[in-house]
Amino acid sequence: MSEQVERIPQHRHCANCGKAFTGGGMYCSAGCEKGRTEELRTKKNKLVIVWVGAVILMMVGIWLMLK
């Protein structure tokens, strides 16, 4: 009754695509790293636009209240 257990080598999963790889770092390839960097930059830019819009709306609201 000997069970054979398949051993999985030490590995990491890519932060972008989720593929398993054995190297160091967070990404399986330079393409994944570049793609993730672009994605994060886009999200950051959208967030900055939302915050700037919110500040402008608050300033307009305060200006209208004081008028």
PDB file of N, CA and C in Angstrom:
ATOM      1  N   MET A   1       0.819  -1.174   0.000  1.00  0.00           N
ATOM      2  CA  MET A   1       0.000   0.000   0.000  1.00  0.00           C
ATOM      3  C   MET A   1       0.873   1.251   0.000  1.00  0.00           C
ATOM      4  N   SER A   2       1.800   1.285  -0.868  1.00  0.00           N
ATOM      5  CA  SER A   2       2.728   2.397  -0.976  1.00  0.00           C
ATOM      6  C   SER A   2       2.147   3.471  -1.899  1.00  0.00           C
ATOM      7  N   GLU A   3       1.957   4.659  -1.346  1.00  0.00           N
ATOM      8  CA  GLU A   3       1.437   5.762  -2.159  1.00  0.00           C
ATOM      9  C   GLU A   3       2.601   6.563  -2.711  1.00  0.00           C
ATOM     10  N   GLN A   4       2.499   6.884  -3.968  1.00  0.00           N
ATOM     11  CA  GLN A   4       3.518   7.717  -4.588  1.00  0.00           C
ATOM     12  C   GLN A   4       3.018   9.160  -4.579  1.00  0.00           C
ATOM     13  N   VAL A   5       3.795  10.004  -3.972  1.00  0.00           N
ATOM     14  CA  VAL A   5       3.428  11.407  -3.876  1.00  0.00           C
ATOM     15  C   VAL A   5       4.267  12.180  -4.867  1.00  0.00           C
ATOM     16  N   GLU A   6       3.590  12.915  -5.724  1.00  0.00           N
ATOM     17  CA  GLU A   6       4.304  13.736  -6.700  1.00  0.00           C
ATOM     18  C   GLU A   6       4.749  15.019  -6.018  1.00  0.00           C
ATOM     19  N   ARG A   7       6.019  15.295  -6.075  1.00  0.00           N
ATOM     20  CA  ARG A   7       6.567  16.496  -5.450  1.00  0.00           C
ATOM     21  C   ARG A   7       6.550  17.649  -6.445  1.00  0.00           C
ATOM     22  N   ILE A   8       6.099  18.781  -5.973  1.00  0.00           N
ATOM     23  CA  ILE A   8       6.089  19.986  -6.797  1.00  0.00           C
ATOM     24  C   ILE A   8       7.292  20.825  -6.379  1.00  0.00           C
ATOM     25  N   PRO A   9       8.138  21.196  -7.332  1.00  0.00           N
ATOM     26  CA  PRO A   9       9.314  21.999  -6.967  1.00  0.00           C
ATOM     27  C   PRO A   9       8.897  23.382  -6.460  1.00  0.00           C
ATOM     28  N   GLN A  10       9.775  23.987  -5.665  1.00  0.00           N
ATOM     29  CA  GLN A  10       9.523  25.333  -5.168  1.00  0.00           C
ATOM     30  C   GLN A  10       9.310  26.272  -6.348  1.00  0.00           C
ATOM     31  N   HIS A  11       8.283  27.082  -6.264  1.00  0.00           N
ATOM     32  CA  HIS A  11       7.983  27.997  -7.350  1.00  0.00           C
ATOM     33  C   HIS A  11       7.204  29.195  -6.821  1.00  0.00           C
ATOM     34  N   ARG A  12       7.050  30.170  -7.675  1.00  0.00           N
ATOM     35  CA  ARG A  12       6.250  31.362  -7.381  1.00  0.00           C
ATOM     36  C   ARG A  12       5.225  31.507  -8.493  1.00  0.00           C
ATOM     37  N   HIS A  13       4.254  32.372  -8.259  1.00  0.00           N
ATOM     38  CA  HIS A  13       3.267  32.665  -9.286  1.00  0.00           C
ATOM     39  C   HIS A  13       3.426  34.121  -9.711  1.00  0.00           C
ATOM     40  N   CYS A  14       3.367  34.335 -11.009  1.00  0.00           N
ATOM     41  CA  CYS A  14       3.533  35.663 -11.586  1.00  0.00           C
ATOM     42  C   CYS A  14       2.443  36.599 -11.053  1.00  0.00           C
ATOM     43  N   ALA A  15       2.838  37.814 -10.682  1.00  0.00           N
ATOM     44  CA  ALA A  15       1.894  38.797 -10.155  1.00  0.00           C
ATOM     45  C   ALA A  15       0.954  39.315 -11.245  1.00  0.00           C
ATOM     46  N   ASN A  16       1.299  39.096 -12.503  1.00  0.00           N
ATOM     47  CA  ASN A  16       0.470  39.586 -13.595  1.00  0.00           C
ATOM     48  C   ASN A  16      -0.437  38.499 -14.160  1.00  0.00           C
ATOM     49  N   CYS A  17       0.132  37.373 -14.561  1.00  0.00           N
ATOM     50  CA  CYS A  17      -0.656  36.346 -15.250  1.00  0.00           C
ATOM     51  C   CYS A  17      -0.966  35.130 -14.379  1.00  0.00           C
ATOM     52  N   GLY A  18      -0.279  34.970 -13.271  1.00  0.00           N
ATOM     53  CA  GLY A  18      -0.544  33.846 -12.367  1.00  0.00           C
ATOM     54  C   GLY A  18       0.171  32.557 -12.736  1.00  0.00           C
ATOM     55  N   LYS A  19       0.961  32.564 -13.786  1.00  0.00           N
ATOM     56  CA  LYS A  19       1.691  31.376 -14.212  1.00  0.00           C
ATOM     57  C   LYS A  19       2.802  31.053 -13.213  1.00  0.00           C
ATOM     58  N   ALA A  20       3.002  29.775 -12.955  1.00  0.00           N
ATOM     59  CA  ALA A  20       4.058  29.352 -12.032  1.00  0.00           C
ATOM     60  C   ALA A  20       5.418  29.456 -12.717  1.00  0.00           C
ATOM     61  N   PHE A  21       6.419  29.906 -11.972  1.00  0.00           N
ATOM     62  CA  PHE A  21       7.790  29.963 -12.482  1.00  0.00           C
ATOM     63  C   PHE A  21       8.755  29.768 -11.327  1.00  0.00           C
ATOM     64  N   THR A  22       9.980  29.412 -11.657  1.00  0.00           N
ATOM     65  CA  THR A  22      10.948  29.074 -10.613  1.00  0.00           C
ATOM     66  C   THR A  22      11.998  30.151 -10.384  1.00  0.00           C
ATOM     67  N   GLY A  23      12.012  31.203 -11.141  1.00  0.00           N
ATOM     68  CA  GLY A  23      13.019  32.245 -10.977  1.00  0.00           C
ATOM     69  C   GLY A  23      12.713  33.175  -9.822  1.00  0.00           C
ATOM     70  N   GLY A  24      13.585  34.127  -9.624  1.00  0.00           N
ATOM     71  CA  GLY A  24      13.362  35.134  -8.596  1.00  0.00           C
ATOM     72  C   GLY A  24      12.514  36.262  -9.149  1.00  0.00           C
ATOM     73  N   GLY A  25      12.099  37.145  -8.306  1.00  0.00           N
ATOM     74  CA  GLY A  25      11.291  38.276  -8.739  1.00  0.00           C
ATOM     75  C   GLY A  25       9.804  37.993  -8.632  1.00  0.00           C
ATOM     76  N   MET A  26       9.013  38.936  -9.123  1.00  0.00           N
ATOM     77  CA  MET A  26       7.563  38.811  -9.016  1.00  0.00           C
ATOM     78  C   MET A  26       6.894  38.431 -10.327  1.00  0.00           C
ATOM     79  N   TYR A  27       7.627  38.487 -11.429  1.00  0.00           N
ATOM     80  CA  TYR A  27       7.032  38.271 -12.746  1.00  0.00           C
ATOM     81  C   TYR A  27       7.758  37.154 -13.490  1.00  0.00           C
ATOM     82  N   CYS A  28       7.004  36.452 -14.346  1.00  0.00           N
ATOM     83  CA  CYS A  28       7.594  35.325 -15.071  1.00  0.00           C
ATOM     84  C   CYS A  28       8.412  35.792 -16.266  1.00  0.00           C
ATOM     85  N   SER A  29       8.157  36.983 -16.785  1.00  0.00           N
ATOM     86  CA  SER A  29       8.905  37.485 -17.937  1.00  0.00           C
ATOM     87  C   SER A  29       8.909  39.011 -17.911  1.00  0.00           C
ATOM     88  N   ALA A  30       9.755  39.574 -18.757  1.00  0.00           N
ATOM     89  CA  ALA A  30       9.824  41.031 -18.853  1.00  0.00           C
ATOM     90  C   ALA A  30       8.534  41.593 -19.434  1.00  0.00           C
ATOM     91  N   GLY A  31       7.887  40.844 -20.311  1.00  0.00           N
ATOM     92  CA  GLY A  31       6.618  41.280 -20.892  1.00  0.00           C
ATOM     93  C   GLY A  31       5.529  41.404 -19.845  1.00  0.00           C
ATOM     94  N   CYS A  32       5.473  40.439 -18.931  1.00  0.00           N
ATOM     95  CA  CYS A  32       4.491  40.498 -17.840  1.00  0.00           C
ATOM     96  C   CYS A  32       4.779  41.681 -16.922  1.00  0.00           C
ATOM     97  N   GLU A  33       6.033  41.923 -16.654  1.00  0.00           N
ATOM     98  CA  GLU A  33       6.391  43.049 -15.785  1.00  0.00           C
ATOM     99  C   GLU A  33       5.987  44.370 -16.435  1.00  0.00           C
ATOM    100  N   LYS A  34       6.265  44.501 -17.721  1.00  0.00           N
ATOM    101  CA  LYS A  34       5.911  45.727 -18.433  1.00  0.00           C
ATOM    102  C   LYS A  34       4.394  45.899 -18.484  1.00  0.00           C
ATOM    103  N   GLY A  35       3.673  44.818 -18.740  1.00  0.00           N
ATOM    104  CA  GLY A  35       2.218  44.886 -18.790  1.00  0.00           C
ATOM    105  C   GLY A  35       1.623  45.296 -17.461  1.00  0.00           C
ATOM    106  N   ARG A  36       2.140  44.741 -16.391  1.00  0.00           N
ATOM    107  CA  ARG A  36       1.644  45.073 -15.050  1.00  0.00           C
ATOM    108  C   ARG A  36       1.963  46.520 -14.697  1.00  0.00           C
ATOM    109  N   THR A  37       3.156  46.977 -15.075  1.00  0.00           N
ATOM    110  CA  THR A  37       3.551  48.357 -14.806  1.00  0.00           C
ATOM    111  C   THR A  37       2.623  49.324 -15.523  1.00  0.00           C
ATOM    112  N   GLU A  38       2.307  49.028 -16.775  1.00  0.00           N
ATOM    113  CA  GLU A  38       1.395  49.871 -17.540  1.00  0.00           C
ATOM    114  C   GLU A  38      -0.002  49.868 -16.913  1.00  0.00           C
ATOM    115  N   GLU A  39      -0.456  48.697 -16.483  1.00  0.00           N
ATOM    116  CA  GLU A  39      -1.773  48.582 -15.858  1.00  0.00           C
ATOM    117  C   GLU A  39      -1.849  49.410 -14.575  1.00  0.00           C
ATOM    118  N   LEU A  40      -0.809  49.324 -13.753  1.00  0.00           N
ATOM    119  CA  LEU A  40      -0.779  50.088 -12.505  1.00  0.00           C
ATOM    120  C   LEU A  40      -0.708  51.590 -12.766  1.00  0.00           C
ATOM    121  N   ARG A  41       0.044  51.991 -13.787  1.00  0.00           N
ATOM    122  CA  ARG A  41       0.150  53.401 -14.135  1.00  0.00           C
ATOM    123  C   ARG A  41      -1.220  53.939 -14.577  1.00  0.00           C
ATOM    124  N   THR A  42      -1.937  53.154 -15.370  1.00  0.00           N
ATOM    125  CA  THR A  42      -3.262  53.558 -15.827  1.00  0.00           C
ATOM    126  C   THR A  42      -4.224  53.712 -14.653  1.00  0.00           C
ATOM    127  N   LYS A  43      -4.200  52.747 -13.726  1.00  0.00           N
ATOM    128  CA  LYS A  43      -5.072  52.828 -12.544  1.00  0.00           C
ATOM    129  C   LYS A  43      -4.737  54.048 -11.703  1.00  0.00           C
ATOM    130  N   LYS A  44      -3.450  54.331 -11.542  1.00  0.00           N
ATOM    131  CA  LYS A  44      -3.024  55.481 -10.748  1.00  0.00           C
ATOM    132  C   LYS A  44      -3.496  56.779 -11.390  1.00  0.00           C
ATOM    133  N   ASN A  45      -3.356  56.885 -12.706  1.00  0.00           N
ATOM    134  CA  ASN A  45      -3.786  58.094 -13.402  1.00  0.00           C
ATOM    135  C   ASN A  45      -5.295  58.310 -13.257  1.00  0.00           C
ATOM    136  N   LYS A  46      -6.072  57.231 -13.356  1.00  0.00           N
ATOM    137  CA  LYS A  46      -7.523  57.344 -13.184  1.00  0.00           C
ATOM    138  C   LYS A  46      -7.867  57.805 -11.773  1.00  0.00           C
ATOM    139  N   LEU A  47      -7.176  57.274 -10.784  1.00  0.00           N
ATOM    140  CA  LEU A  47      -7.419  57.661  -9.404  1.00  0.00           C
ATOM    141  C   LEU A  47      -7.076  59.123  -9.169  1.00  0.00           C
ATOM    142  N   VAL A  48      -5.993  59.605  -9.744  1.00  0.00           N
ATOM    143  CA  VAL A  48      -5.608  61.008  -9.608  1.00  0.00           C
ATOM    144  C   VAL A  48      -6.682  61.894 -10.223  1.00  0.00           C
ATOM    145  N   ILE A  49      -7.211  61.500 -11.368  1.00  0.00           N
ATOM    146  CA  ILE A  49      -8.263  62.284 -12.028  1.00  0.00           C
ATOM    147  C   ILE A  49      -9.509  62.357 -11.146  1.00  0.00           C
ATOM    148  N   VAL A  50      -9.879  61.242 -10.528  1.00  0.00           N
ATOM    149  CA  VAL A  50     -11.050  61.223  -9.643  1.00  0.00           C
ATOM    150  C   VAL A  50     -10.825  62.159  -8.458  1.00  0.00           C
ATOM    151  N   TRP A  51      -9.654  62.107  -7.836  1.00  0.00           N
ATOM    152  CA  TRP A  51      -9.381  62.963  -6.670  1.00  0.00           C
ATOM    153  C   TRP A  51      -9.363  64.442  -7.052  1.00  0.00           C
ATOM    154  N   VAL A  52      -8.763  64.763  -8.183  1.00  0.00           N
ATOM    155  CA  VAL A  52      -8.733  66.164  -8.628  1.00  0.00           C
ATOM    156  C   VAL A  52     -10.151  66.637  -8.905  1.00  0.00           C
ATOM    157  N   GLY A  53     -10.966  65.800  -9.537  1.00  0.00           N
ATOM    158  CA  GLY A  53     -12.359  66.155  -9.794  1.00  0.00           C
ATOM    159  C   GLY A  53     -13.131  66.380  -8.514  1.00  0.00           C
ATOM    160  N   ALA A  54     -12.897  65.527  -7.516  1.00  0.00           N
ATOM    161  CA  ALA A  54     -13.585  65.673  -6.233  1.00  0.00           C
ATOM    162  C   ALA A  54     -13.197  66.984  -5.550  1.00  0.00           C
ATOM    163  N   VAL A  55     -11.933  67.332  -5.585  1.00  0.00           N
ATOM    164  CA  VAL A  55     -11.475  68.585  -4.970  1.00  0.00           C
ATOM    165  C   VAL A  55     -12.093  69.780  -5.689  1.00  0.00           C
ATOM    166  N   ILE A  56     -12.135  69.724  -7.008  1.00  0.00           N
ATOM    167  CA  ILE A  56     -12.725  70.830  -7.778  1.00  0.00           C
ATOM    168  C   ILE A  56     -14.210  70.967  -7.446  1.00  0.00           C
ATOM    169  N   LEU A  57     -14.926  69.843  -7.374  1.00  0.00           N
ATOM    170  CA  LEU A  57     -16.352  69.902  -7.028  1.00  0.00           C
ATOM    171  C   LEU A  57     -16.568  70.478  -5.630  1.00  0.00           C
ATOM    172  N   MET A  58     -15.728  70.099  -4.695  1.00  0.00           N
ATOM    173  CA  MET A  58     -15.857  70.639  -3.336  1.00  0.00           C
ATOM    174  C   MET A  58     -15.595  72.140  -3.328  1.00  0.00           C
ATOM    175  N   MET A  59     -14.590  72.578  -4.074  1.00  0.00           N
ATOM    176  CA  MET A  59     -14.278  74.007  -4.123  1.00  0.00           C
ATOM    177  C   MET A  59     -15.427  74.782  -4.758  1.00  0.00           C
ATOM    178  N   VAL A  60     -16.016  74.258  -5.827  1.00  0.00           N
ATOM    179  CA  VAL A  60     -17.156  74.915  -6.467  1.00  0.00           C
ATOM    180  C   VAL A  60     -18.344  74.957  -5.500  1.00  0.00           C
ATOM    181  N   GLY A  61     -18.584  73.871  -4.774  1.00  0.00           N
ATOM    182  CA  GLY A  61     -19.668  73.854  -3.797  1.00  0.00           C
ATOM    183  C   GLY A  61     -19.483  74.877  -2.702  1.00  0.00           C
ATOM    184  N   ILE A  62     -18.287  74.991  -2.195  1.00  0.00           N
ATOM    185  CA  ILE A  62     -17.994  75.991  -1.146  1.00  0.00           C
ATOM    186  C   ILE A  62     -18.154  77.400  -1.716  1.00  0.00           C
ATOM    187  N   TRP A  63     -17.674  77.610  -2.929  1.00  0.00           N
ATOM    188  CA  TRP A  63     -17.789  78.920  -3.551  1.00  0.00           C
ATOM    189  C   TRP A  63     -19.258  79.307  -3.738  1.00  0.00           C
ATOM    190  N   LEU A  64     -20.088  78.344  -4.143  1.00  0.00           N
ATOM    191  CA  LEU A  64     -21.516  78.614  -4.338  1.00  0.00           C
ATOM    192  C   LEU A  64     -22.226  78.901  -3.008  1.00  0.00           C
ATOM    193  N   MET A  65     -21.804  78.235  -1.955  1.00  0.00           N
ATOM    194  CA  MET A  65     -22.406  78.466  -0.639  1.00  0.00           C
ATOM    195  C   MET A  65     -22.058  79.850  -0.109  1.00  0.00           C
ATOM    196  N   LEU A  66     -20.854  80.318  -0.389  1.00  0.00           N
ATOM    197  CA  LEU A  66     -20.415  81.612   0.118  1.00  0.00           C
ATOM    198  C   LEU A  66     -20.925  82.769  -0.729  1.00  0.00           C
ATOM    199  N   LYS A  67     -21.381  82.490  -1.906  1.00  0.00           N
ATOM    200  CA  LYS A  67     -21.814  83.538  -2.840  1.00  0.00           C
ATOM    201  C   LYS A  67     -23.121  84.135  -2.448  1.00  0.00           C
TER     202      LYS A  67
END
